[in-house]
N, C-alpha and C. Protein backbone atom coordinates (compact mmCIF):
# COMPACT_ATOMS: atom_id res chain seq x y z
N MET A 1 20.83 1.21 33.89
CA MET A 1 19.45 1.28 33.49
C MET A 1 19.29 2.06 32.18
N ALA A 2 20.00 3.21 32.09
CA ALA A 2 19.93 4.02 30.87
C ALA A 2 20.52 3.27 29.68
N SER A 3 21.57 2.48 29.95
CA SER A 3 22.20 1.69 28.89
C SER A 3 21.23 0.63 28.36
N GLN A 4 20.49 0.01 29.24
CA GLN A 4 19.51 -1.01 28.83
C GLN A 4 18.40 -0.36 28.00
N SER A 5 17.95 0.81 28.41
CA SER A 5 16.92 1.54 27.67
C SER A 5 17.42 1.91 26.28
N LYS A 6 18.68 2.34 26.20
CA LYS A 6 19.27 2.70 24.90
C LYS A 6 19.37 1.47 24.01
N ASN A 7 19.79 0.33 24.58
CA ASN A 7 19.88 -0.91 23.81
C ASN A 7 18.52 -1.35 23.30
N ASN A 8 17.49 -1.23 24.14
CA ASN A 8 16.14 -1.58 23.71
C ASN A 8 15.67 -0.66 22.59
N SER A 9 15.98 0.62 22.70
CA SER A 9 15.60 1.59 21.68
C SER A 9 16.31 1.29 20.36
N GLU A 10 17.59 1.00 20.43
CA GLU A 10 18.36 0.65 19.23
C GLU A 10 17.84 -0.64 18.61
N ARG A 11 17.54 -1.60 19.46
CA ARG A 11 17.03 -2.89 18.98
C ARG A 11 15.68 -2.68 18.27
N GLU A 12 14.82 -1.86 18.85
CA GLU A 12 13.52 -1.58 18.25
C GLU A 12 13.68 -0.84 16.91
N HIS A 13 14.63 0.09 16.86
CA HIS A 13 14.90 0.82 15.62
C HIS A 13 15.38 -0.13 14.52
N ILE A 14 16.27 -1.02 14.86
CA ILE A 14 16.77 -2.00 13.89
C ILE A 14 15.63 -2.92 13.44
N ARG A 15 14.81 -3.34 14.38
CA ARG A 15 13.65 -4.19 14.06
C ARG A 15 12.71 -3.47 13.09
N THR A 16 12.48 -2.20 13.33
CA THR A 16 11.62 -1.41 12.46
C THR A 16 12.19 -1.34 11.04
N ILE A 17 13.47 -1.09 10.93
CA ILE A 17 14.11 -1.01 9.62
C ILE A 17 14.03 -2.36 8.89
N VAL A 18 14.33 -3.43 9.60
CA VAL A 18 14.31 -4.76 8.99
C VAL A 18 12.91 -5.13 8.52
N ILE A 19 11.91 -4.94 9.38
CA ILE A 19 10.55 -5.31 9.01
C ILE A 19 10.04 -4.42 7.87
N THR A 20 10.35 -3.14 7.91
CA THR A 20 9.93 -2.26 6.82
C THR A 20 10.57 -2.69 5.51
N GLY A 21 11.83 -3.06 5.55
CA GLY A 21 12.51 -3.56 4.35
C GLY A 21 11.88 -4.85 3.84
N LEU A 22 11.57 -5.76 4.75
CA LEU A 22 10.91 -7.01 4.35
C LEU A 22 9.53 -6.75 3.74
N MET A 23 8.79 -5.84 4.34
CA MET A 23 7.45 -5.52 3.81
C MET A 23 7.55 -4.82 2.45
N THR A 24 8.59 -4.01 2.26
CA THR A 24 8.81 -3.37 0.97
C THR A 24 9.08 -4.44 -0.09
N ALA A 25 9.90 -5.41 0.25
CA ALA A 25 10.18 -6.52 -0.68
C ALA A 25 8.91 -7.33 -0.95
N LEU A 26 8.08 -7.52 0.07
CA LEU A 26 6.83 -8.26 -0.10
C LEU A 26 5.87 -7.50 -1.02
N VAL A 27 5.77 -6.19 -0.86
CA VAL A 27 4.92 -5.38 -1.74
C VAL A 27 5.45 -5.46 -3.18
N PHE A 28 6.76 -5.34 -3.34
CA PHE A 28 7.37 -5.43 -4.67
C PHE A 28 7.07 -6.80 -5.30
N ALA A 29 7.34 -7.88 -4.55
CA ALA A 29 7.09 -9.23 -5.08
C ALA A 29 5.61 -9.45 -5.35
N GLY A 30 4.76 -8.98 -4.44
CA GLY A 30 3.32 -9.12 -4.64
C GLY A 30 2.82 -8.38 -5.86
N SER A 31 3.48 -7.30 -6.19
CA SER A 31 3.11 -6.53 -7.38
C SER A 31 3.40 -7.29 -8.66
N ARG A 32 4.28 -8.27 -8.58
CA ARG A 32 4.62 -9.09 -9.74
C ARG A 32 3.60 -10.22 -9.95
N ILE A 33 2.76 -10.46 -8.95
CA ILE A 33 1.76 -11.53 -9.03
C ILE A 33 0.42 -10.90 -9.33
N GLY A 34 0.00 -10.96 -10.58
CA GLY A 34 -1.25 -10.32 -10.95
C GLY A 34 -1.64 -10.64 -12.37
N PHE A 35 -2.60 -9.88 -12.86
CA PHE A 35 -3.06 -10.06 -14.23
C PHE A 35 -3.44 -8.71 -14.82
N HIS A 36 -3.36 -8.63 -16.13
CA HIS A 36 -3.69 -7.39 -16.84
C HIS A 36 -5.19 -7.28 -17.03
N THR A 37 -5.69 -6.06 -16.95
CA THR A 37 -7.10 -5.79 -17.22
C THR A 37 -7.18 -4.90 -18.45
N PRO A 38 -8.10 -5.19 -19.35
CA PRO A 38 -8.20 -4.38 -20.57
C PRO A 38 -8.83 -3.02 -20.29
N SER A 39 -8.38 -2.02 -21.04
CA SER A 39 -9.03 -0.70 -21.02
C SER A 39 -8.62 0.05 -22.27
N ILE A 40 -9.28 1.14 -22.52
CA ILE A 40 -9.02 1.96 -23.70
C ILE A 40 -7.59 2.49 -23.69
N THR A 41 -7.07 2.78 -22.51
CA THR A 41 -5.74 3.39 -22.40
C THR A 41 -4.62 2.36 -22.35
N GLY A 42 -4.90 1.13 -22.65
CA GLY A 42 -3.85 0.12 -22.72
C GLY A 42 -3.94 -0.91 -21.61
N GLY A 43 -4.82 -0.75 -20.69
CA GLY A 43 -5.03 -1.76 -19.66
C GLY A 43 -4.38 -1.42 -18.34
N GLY A 44 -4.93 -2.03 -17.33
CA GLY A 44 -4.40 -1.88 -15.98
C GLY A 44 -3.78 -3.18 -15.54
N TYR A 45 -3.45 -3.24 -14.27
CA TYR A 45 -2.78 -4.41 -13.73
C TYR A 45 -3.26 -4.62 -12.30
N VAL A 46 -3.96 -5.72 -12.05
CA VAL A 46 -4.45 -6.06 -10.72
C VAL A 46 -3.45 -7.03 -10.12
N HIS A 47 -2.95 -6.71 -8.90
CA HIS A 47 -1.87 -7.51 -8.31
C HIS A 47 -2.00 -7.58 -6.79
N LEU A 48 -1.17 -8.41 -6.18
CA LEU A 48 -1.19 -8.60 -4.73
C LEU A 48 -0.44 -7.52 -3.96
N GLY A 49 0.28 -6.64 -4.64
CA GLY A 49 1.02 -5.59 -3.96
C GLY A 49 0.13 -4.71 -3.10
N THR A 50 -1.08 -4.44 -3.58
CA THR A 50 -2.00 -3.60 -2.82
C THR A 50 -2.45 -4.31 -1.55
N ALA A 51 -2.64 -5.61 -1.62
CA ALA A 51 -3.00 -6.38 -0.42
C ALA A 51 -1.88 -6.29 0.62
N PHE A 52 -0.65 -6.41 0.16
CA PHE A 52 0.48 -6.33 1.10
C PHE A 52 0.69 -4.90 1.60
N MET A 53 0.28 -3.91 0.81
CA MET A 53 0.33 -2.52 1.28
C MET A 53 -0.65 -2.35 2.44
N PHE A 54 -1.89 -2.82 2.27
CA PHE A 54 -2.86 -2.73 3.36
C PHE A 54 -2.39 -3.52 4.57
N PHE A 55 -1.90 -4.72 4.35
CA PHE A 55 -1.38 -5.54 5.46
C PHE A 55 -0.30 -4.79 6.23
N THR A 56 0.68 -4.25 5.52
CA THR A 56 1.78 -3.54 6.16
C THR A 56 1.29 -2.33 6.95
N ALA A 57 0.43 -1.54 6.35
CA ALA A 57 -0.09 -0.34 7.01
C ALA A 57 -0.92 -0.70 8.23
N PHE A 58 -1.73 -1.75 8.13
CA PHE A 58 -2.60 -2.14 9.24
C PHE A 58 -1.82 -2.76 10.39
N VAL A 59 -0.80 -3.55 10.09
CA VAL A 59 -0.05 -4.23 11.14
C VAL A 59 1.09 -3.37 11.69
N PHE A 60 1.80 -2.68 10.82
CA PHE A 60 3.01 -1.97 11.23
C PHE A 60 2.88 -0.45 11.24
N GLY A 61 1.76 0.08 10.80
CA GLY A 61 1.51 1.50 10.90
C GLY A 61 1.77 2.30 9.65
N ARG A 62 1.50 3.59 9.77
CA ARG A 62 1.51 4.49 8.62
C ARG A 62 2.88 4.69 7.99
N LYS A 63 3.94 4.77 8.81
CA LYS A 63 5.28 5.00 8.25
C LYS A 63 5.75 3.79 7.44
N ALA A 64 5.63 2.61 8.03
CA ALA A 64 6.02 1.39 7.30
C ALA A 64 5.13 1.19 6.09
N GLY A 65 3.82 1.46 6.24
CA GLY A 65 2.89 1.31 5.12
C GLY A 65 3.23 2.25 3.97
N ALA A 66 3.55 3.49 4.30
CA ALA A 66 3.90 4.47 3.27
C ALA A 66 5.18 4.08 2.55
N PHE A 67 6.22 3.75 3.32
CA PHE A 67 7.50 3.40 2.71
C PHE A 67 7.38 2.14 1.85
N ALA A 68 6.80 1.09 2.41
CA ALA A 68 6.68 -0.18 1.69
C ALA A 68 5.86 -0.02 0.42
N ALA A 69 4.76 0.71 0.51
CA ALA A 69 3.90 0.89 -0.66
C ALA A 69 4.58 1.74 -1.73
N GLY A 70 5.09 2.90 -1.33
CA GLY A 70 5.71 3.79 -2.30
C GLY A 70 6.91 3.18 -2.98
N VAL A 71 7.84 2.67 -2.18
CA VAL A 71 9.07 2.11 -2.74
C VAL A 71 8.80 0.77 -3.44
N GLY A 72 8.02 -0.10 -2.81
CA GLY A 72 7.75 -1.43 -3.40
C GLY A 72 7.04 -1.34 -4.74
N MET A 73 5.95 -0.58 -4.79
CA MET A 73 5.20 -0.47 -6.04
C MET A 73 5.91 0.43 -7.05
N GLY A 74 6.61 1.46 -6.55
CA GLY A 74 7.38 2.31 -7.45
C GLY A 74 8.49 1.53 -8.15
N LEU A 75 9.20 0.70 -7.38
CA LEU A 75 10.25 -0.13 -7.98
C LEU A 75 9.68 -1.14 -8.95
N PHE A 76 8.52 -1.70 -8.62
CA PHE A 76 7.90 -2.63 -9.56
C PHE A 76 7.69 -1.94 -10.91
N ASP A 77 7.10 -0.75 -10.88
CA ASP A 77 6.88 -0.03 -12.15
C ASP A 77 8.20 0.27 -12.84
N LEU A 78 9.18 0.71 -12.08
CA LEU A 78 10.48 1.08 -12.65
C LEU A 78 11.13 -0.09 -13.39
N PHE A 79 10.99 -1.30 -12.87
CA PHE A 79 11.62 -2.47 -13.47
C PHE A 79 10.67 -3.28 -14.34
N SER A 80 9.59 -2.67 -14.79
CA SER A 80 8.63 -3.35 -15.65
C SER A 80 8.36 -2.49 -16.88
N GLU A 81 7.39 -2.91 -17.65
CA GLU A 81 7.01 -2.11 -18.83
C GLU A 81 6.27 -0.83 -18.43
N TYR A 82 6.05 -0.62 -17.13
CA TYR A 82 5.35 0.57 -16.64
C TYR A 82 6.32 1.63 -16.09
N ALA A 83 7.56 1.63 -16.52
CA ALA A 83 8.58 2.52 -15.95
C ALA A 83 8.18 3.99 -15.97
N VAL A 84 7.47 4.42 -17.01
CA VAL A 84 7.06 5.82 -17.09
C VAL A 84 6.10 6.17 -15.95
N TRP A 85 5.44 5.18 -15.39
CA TRP A 85 4.48 5.39 -14.31
C TRP A 85 5.15 5.45 -12.94
N ALA A 86 6.40 5.05 -12.83
CA ALA A 86 7.07 4.87 -11.54
C ALA A 86 6.99 6.09 -10.61
N PRO A 87 7.30 7.29 -11.06
CA PRO A 87 7.23 8.41 -10.11
C PRO A 87 5.81 8.67 -9.60
N PHE A 88 4.83 8.48 -10.48
CA PHE A 88 3.44 8.68 -10.08
C PHE A 88 3.01 7.58 -9.11
N THR A 89 3.38 6.34 -9.43
CA THR A 89 3.04 5.22 -8.57
C THR A 89 3.68 5.39 -7.20
N PHE A 90 4.93 5.84 -7.17
CA PHE A 90 5.60 6.07 -5.89
C PHE A 90 4.78 7.03 -5.03
N ALA A 91 4.39 8.17 -5.59
CA ALA A 91 3.66 9.19 -4.82
C ALA A 91 2.27 8.70 -4.41
N ILE A 92 1.54 8.12 -5.35
CA ILE A 92 0.18 7.65 -5.07
C ILE A 92 0.21 6.54 -4.02
N SER A 93 1.10 5.57 -4.18
CA SER A 93 1.17 4.44 -3.26
C SER A 93 1.66 4.86 -1.88
N LEU A 94 2.61 5.79 -1.84
CA LEU A 94 3.09 6.31 -0.57
C LEU A 94 1.93 6.93 0.22
N LEU A 95 1.12 7.73 -0.46
CA LEU A 95 -0.03 8.35 0.19
C LEU A 95 -1.04 7.30 0.65
N MET A 96 -1.29 6.29 -0.18
CA MET A 96 -2.23 5.24 0.20
C MET A 96 -1.73 4.49 1.44
N GLY A 97 -0.46 4.12 1.45
CA GLY A 97 0.09 3.40 2.60
C GLY A 97 0.04 4.21 3.87
N TYR A 98 0.34 5.50 3.76
CA TYR A 98 0.31 6.37 4.92
C TYR A 98 -1.11 6.48 5.49
N PHE A 99 -2.06 6.81 4.62
CA PHE A 99 -3.43 7.01 5.11
C PHE A 99 -4.10 5.71 5.53
N ALA A 100 -3.74 4.59 4.91
CA ALA A 100 -4.29 3.31 5.36
C ALA A 100 -3.89 3.05 6.81
N GLY A 101 -2.62 3.26 7.12
CA GLY A 101 -2.15 3.05 8.50
C GLY A 101 -2.67 4.10 9.46
N LYS A 102 -2.74 5.33 9.02
CA LYS A 102 -3.20 6.44 9.87
C LYS A 102 -4.67 6.27 10.26
N ILE A 103 -5.49 5.89 9.30
CA ILE A 103 -6.93 5.79 9.55
C ILE A 103 -7.30 4.50 10.26
N ALA A 104 -6.74 3.38 9.84
CA ALA A 104 -7.22 2.07 10.31
C ALA A 104 -6.73 1.69 11.70
N ARG A 105 -5.56 2.16 12.09
CA ARG A 105 -4.98 1.73 13.37
C ARG A 105 -5.46 2.59 14.52
N SER A 106 -5.93 1.93 15.56
CA SER A 106 -6.28 2.62 16.80
C SER A 106 -5.01 2.82 17.62
N GLU A 107 -5.10 3.63 18.64
CA GLU A 107 -3.94 3.87 19.50
C GLU A 107 -3.41 2.58 20.12
N ASP A 108 -4.31 1.63 20.39
CA ASP A 108 -3.87 0.36 20.98
C ASP A 108 -3.40 -0.64 19.93
N GLY A 109 -3.39 -0.23 18.66
CA GLY A 109 -2.90 -1.10 17.59
C GLY A 109 -3.96 -2.00 16.99
N SER A 110 -5.18 -1.93 17.51
CA SER A 110 -6.24 -2.81 17.00
C SER A 110 -6.86 -2.23 15.73
N LEU A 111 -7.57 -3.09 15.02
CA LEU A 111 -8.27 -2.69 13.80
C LEU A 111 -9.77 -2.85 14.03
N SER A 112 -10.54 -2.03 13.35
CA SER A 112 -11.99 -2.22 13.37
C SER A 112 -12.47 -2.28 11.93
N PHE A 113 -13.57 -2.97 11.72
CA PHE A 113 -14.14 -3.08 10.40
C PHE A 113 -14.44 -1.70 9.83
N PHE A 114 -15.01 -0.82 10.67
CA PHE A 114 -15.35 0.52 10.23
C PHE A 114 -14.12 1.31 9.80
N LYS A 115 -13.06 1.27 10.62
CA LYS A 115 -11.84 2.02 10.28
C LYS A 115 -11.17 1.46 9.03
N CYS A 116 -11.18 0.15 8.86
CA CYS A 116 -10.63 -0.43 7.63
C CYS A 116 -11.46 0.02 6.43
N GLY A 117 -12.77 0.09 6.61
CA GLY A 117 -13.64 0.57 5.54
C GLY A 117 -13.36 2.02 5.17
N MET A 118 -13.13 2.84 6.19
CA MET A 118 -12.79 4.24 5.94
C MET A 118 -11.44 4.35 5.23
N ALA A 119 -10.48 3.54 5.65
CA ALA A 119 -9.17 3.53 4.99
C ALA A 119 -9.32 3.12 3.53
N PHE A 120 -10.18 2.14 3.28
CA PHE A 120 -10.43 1.70 1.91
C PHE A 120 -10.98 2.85 1.06
N VAL A 121 -11.97 3.55 1.60
CA VAL A 121 -12.60 4.66 0.85
C VAL A 121 -11.57 5.75 0.54
N VAL A 122 -10.81 6.16 1.53
CA VAL A 122 -9.82 7.21 1.33
C VAL A 122 -8.74 6.75 0.35
N CYS A 123 -8.23 5.54 0.54
CA CYS A 123 -7.17 5.04 -0.36
C CYS A 123 -7.69 4.83 -1.78
N THR A 124 -8.93 4.40 -1.92
CA THR A 124 -9.49 4.24 -3.25
C THR A 124 -9.62 5.60 -3.94
N PHE A 125 -10.03 6.62 -3.19
CA PHE A 125 -10.10 7.97 -3.74
C PHE A 125 -8.71 8.42 -4.20
N ILE A 126 -7.70 8.18 -3.37
CA ILE A 126 -6.32 8.57 -3.72
C ILE A 126 -5.88 7.84 -4.98
N LYS A 127 -6.14 6.54 -5.06
CA LYS A 127 -5.71 5.76 -6.22
C LYS A 127 -6.45 6.19 -7.49
N VAL A 128 -7.76 6.25 -7.42
CA VAL A 128 -8.56 6.58 -8.60
C VAL A 128 -8.24 8.00 -9.10
N SER A 129 -8.24 8.96 -8.19
CA SER A 129 -7.96 10.34 -8.62
C SER A 129 -6.50 10.50 -9.05
N GLY A 130 -5.58 9.85 -8.32
CA GLY A 130 -4.16 9.94 -8.66
C GLY A 130 -3.85 9.36 -10.03
N TYR A 131 -4.39 8.18 -10.30
CA TYR A 131 -4.11 7.58 -11.61
C TYR A 131 -4.91 8.24 -12.73
N TYR A 132 -6.09 8.77 -12.41
CA TYR A 132 -6.81 9.53 -13.43
C TYR A 132 -5.97 10.73 -13.86
N LEU A 133 -5.47 11.50 -12.89
CA LEU A 133 -4.64 12.66 -13.22
C LEU A 133 -3.35 12.26 -13.93
N THR A 134 -2.78 11.14 -13.51
CA THR A 134 -1.57 10.64 -14.18
C THR A 134 -1.85 10.33 -15.64
N GLU A 135 -2.96 9.67 -15.91
CA GLU A 135 -3.30 9.34 -17.29
C GLU A 135 -3.61 10.59 -18.10
N VAL A 136 -4.25 11.57 -17.48
CA VAL A 136 -4.50 12.83 -18.18
C VAL A 136 -3.16 13.45 -18.59
N ILE A 137 -2.20 13.44 -17.68
CA ILE A 137 -0.88 14.00 -17.97
C ILE A 137 -0.18 13.19 -19.07
N LEU A 138 -0.17 11.87 -18.93
CA LEU A 138 0.56 11.03 -19.89
C LEU A 138 -0.09 10.96 -21.26
N TYR A 139 -1.44 10.92 -21.28
CA TYR A 139 -2.15 10.73 -22.55
C TYR A 139 -2.78 12.00 -23.10
N GLN A 140 -2.71 13.11 -22.35
CA GLN A 140 -3.27 14.38 -22.80
C GLN A 140 -4.73 14.23 -23.23
N ASN A 141 -5.51 13.54 -22.41
CA ASN A 141 -6.90 13.26 -22.73
C ASN A 141 -7.68 13.20 -21.43
N LEU A 142 -8.81 13.87 -21.36
CA LEU A 142 -9.63 13.87 -20.15
C LEU A 142 -10.63 12.73 -20.09
N VAL A 143 -10.95 12.13 -21.24
CA VAL A 143 -12.02 11.13 -21.30
C VAL A 143 -11.49 9.71 -21.18
N SER A 144 -10.48 9.35 -21.96
CA SER A 144 -10.04 7.95 -21.97
C SER A 144 -9.59 7.42 -20.60
N PRO A 145 -9.02 8.23 -19.71
CA PRO A 145 -8.63 7.71 -18.39
C PRO A 145 -9.82 7.22 -17.55
N LEU A 146 -11.02 7.65 -17.89
CA LEU A 146 -12.20 7.19 -17.16
C LEU A 146 -12.35 5.67 -17.28
N ALA A 147 -11.86 5.09 -18.37
CA ALA A 147 -11.98 3.65 -18.58
C ALA A 147 -11.15 2.85 -17.59
N SER A 148 -10.17 3.46 -16.96
CA SER A 148 -9.31 2.75 -16.00
C SER A 148 -9.90 2.70 -14.60
N ILE A 149 -10.91 3.49 -14.35
CA ILE A 149 -11.47 3.57 -12.99
C ILE A 149 -12.00 2.22 -12.49
N PRO A 150 -12.77 1.47 -13.28
CA PRO A 150 -13.25 0.17 -12.76
C PRO A 150 -12.10 -0.78 -12.38
N GLY A 151 -11.03 -0.80 -13.17
CA GLY A 151 -9.88 -1.64 -12.85
C GLY A 151 -9.19 -1.21 -11.56
N ASN A 152 -9.09 0.10 -11.35
CA ASN A 152 -8.49 0.60 -10.12
C ASN A 152 -9.34 0.25 -8.90
N ILE A 153 -10.65 0.33 -9.05
CA ILE A 153 -11.54 -0.03 -7.94
C ILE A 153 -11.44 -1.53 -7.67
N THR A 154 -11.39 -2.34 -8.72
CA THR A 154 -11.23 -3.79 -8.55
C THR A 154 -9.93 -4.10 -7.82
N GLN A 155 -8.85 -3.42 -8.21
CA GLN A 155 -7.55 -3.59 -7.55
C GLN A 155 -7.67 -3.30 -6.05
N MET A 156 -8.34 -2.22 -5.71
CA MET A 156 -8.48 -1.82 -4.31
C MET A 156 -9.37 -2.80 -3.54
N LEU A 157 -10.44 -3.26 -4.16
CA LEU A 157 -11.32 -4.24 -3.49
C LEU A 157 -10.56 -5.52 -3.17
N ALA A 158 -9.82 -6.03 -4.14
CA ALA A 158 -9.03 -7.25 -3.90
C ALA A 158 -8.00 -6.99 -2.81
N GLY A 159 -7.37 -5.84 -2.85
CA GLY A 159 -6.34 -5.50 -1.87
C GLY A 159 -6.88 -5.41 -0.45
N ILE A 160 -8.02 -4.75 -0.27
CA ILE A 160 -8.55 -4.57 1.08
C ILE A 160 -9.05 -5.90 1.64
N VAL A 161 -9.66 -6.72 0.82
CA VAL A 161 -10.17 -8.01 1.32
C VAL A 161 -9.01 -8.89 1.77
N ILE A 162 -8.01 -9.05 0.93
CA ILE A 162 -6.88 -9.92 1.26
C ILE A 162 -6.02 -9.31 2.36
N GLY A 163 -5.69 -8.02 2.22
CA GLY A 163 -4.81 -7.36 3.19
C GLY A 163 -5.41 -7.28 4.58
N SER A 164 -6.69 -6.95 4.68
CA SER A 164 -7.31 -6.84 6.00
C SER A 164 -7.49 -8.21 6.64
N ALA A 165 -7.76 -9.24 5.83
CA ALA A 165 -7.88 -10.59 6.39
C ALA A 165 -6.54 -11.06 6.94
N LEU A 166 -5.47 -10.83 6.19
CA LEU A 166 -4.13 -11.20 6.68
C LEU A 166 -3.77 -10.42 7.94
N ALA A 167 -4.05 -9.12 7.94
CA ALA A 167 -3.73 -8.28 9.10
C ALA A 167 -4.52 -8.71 10.33
N ALA A 168 -5.79 -8.99 10.15
CA ALA A 168 -6.62 -9.41 11.28
C ALA A 168 -6.10 -10.72 11.87
N ALA A 169 -5.70 -11.64 11.01
CA ALA A 169 -5.18 -12.93 11.49
C ALA A 169 -3.88 -12.75 12.28
N VAL A 170 -2.99 -11.91 11.76
CA VAL A 170 -1.71 -11.68 12.44
C VAL A 170 -1.92 -10.93 13.75
N LEU A 171 -2.74 -9.88 13.71
CA LEU A 171 -2.96 -9.09 14.93
C LEU A 171 -3.69 -9.89 16.00
N LYS A 172 -4.54 -10.81 15.57
CA LYS A 172 -5.24 -11.67 16.54
C LYS A 172 -4.24 -12.51 17.32
N GLN A 173 -3.19 -12.93 16.65
CA GLN A 173 -2.15 -13.74 17.30
C GLN A 173 -1.18 -12.87 18.10
N LYS A 174 -1.26 -11.55 17.90
CA LYS A 174 -0.35 -10.60 18.56
C LYS A 174 1.11 -10.97 18.33
N ALA A 175 1.36 -11.51 17.14
CA ALA A 175 2.71 -11.96 16.82
C ALA A 175 3.62 -10.82 16.38
N LEU A 176 3.07 -9.85 15.68
CA LEU A 176 3.84 -8.75 15.13
C LEU A 176 3.12 -7.45 15.31
N SER A 177 3.84 -6.40 15.54
CA SER A 177 3.27 -5.06 15.54
C SER A 177 4.29 -4.06 16.03
N PHE A 178 4.27 -2.91 15.43
CA PHE A 178 5.06 -1.77 15.90
C PHE A 178 4.60 -0.53 15.18
N GLY A 179 5.04 0.60 15.64
CA GLY A 179 4.78 1.85 14.95
C GLY A 179 3.36 2.32 15.07
N LYS A 180 3.19 3.56 14.63
CA LYS A 180 1.85 4.15 14.59
C LYS A 180 1.67 4.87 13.30
């Protein structure tokens, strides 16, 4: 009996690692699908990575959401023209993924419109304030980073709409889920 329990635990651990890795790859790939937005500081980038971050956090929980978002979006920046942003993106996205999963998921794994809305508000605050501070550091200017705020909010709106719709569809089927 103990051996069977250990095998189930090992199997679940392997499943968690595999799914988290797949979601990290999905966030990375989704980050490559987007468009540039103009701004005074050189423009932003609206992409599907944020949608997959919300999806991962909502379906698989805060740990998978944090890892997939931080590593997936951080690697995207590292291997793009945004390499200087990579450490900041890693930290900001990791926090967004963690709090999206922490806030939105109930103990039974279900989602509610209200909790997804709260996750959106908290994650948008993290993104907007995180990238504002990043731009202040990189550009040594307190005013010009304000121009990036509308693009960051647009990115988050697109992400929550797509990510929560995908998560709701998957969770309705009860096809996938683990973690908290």
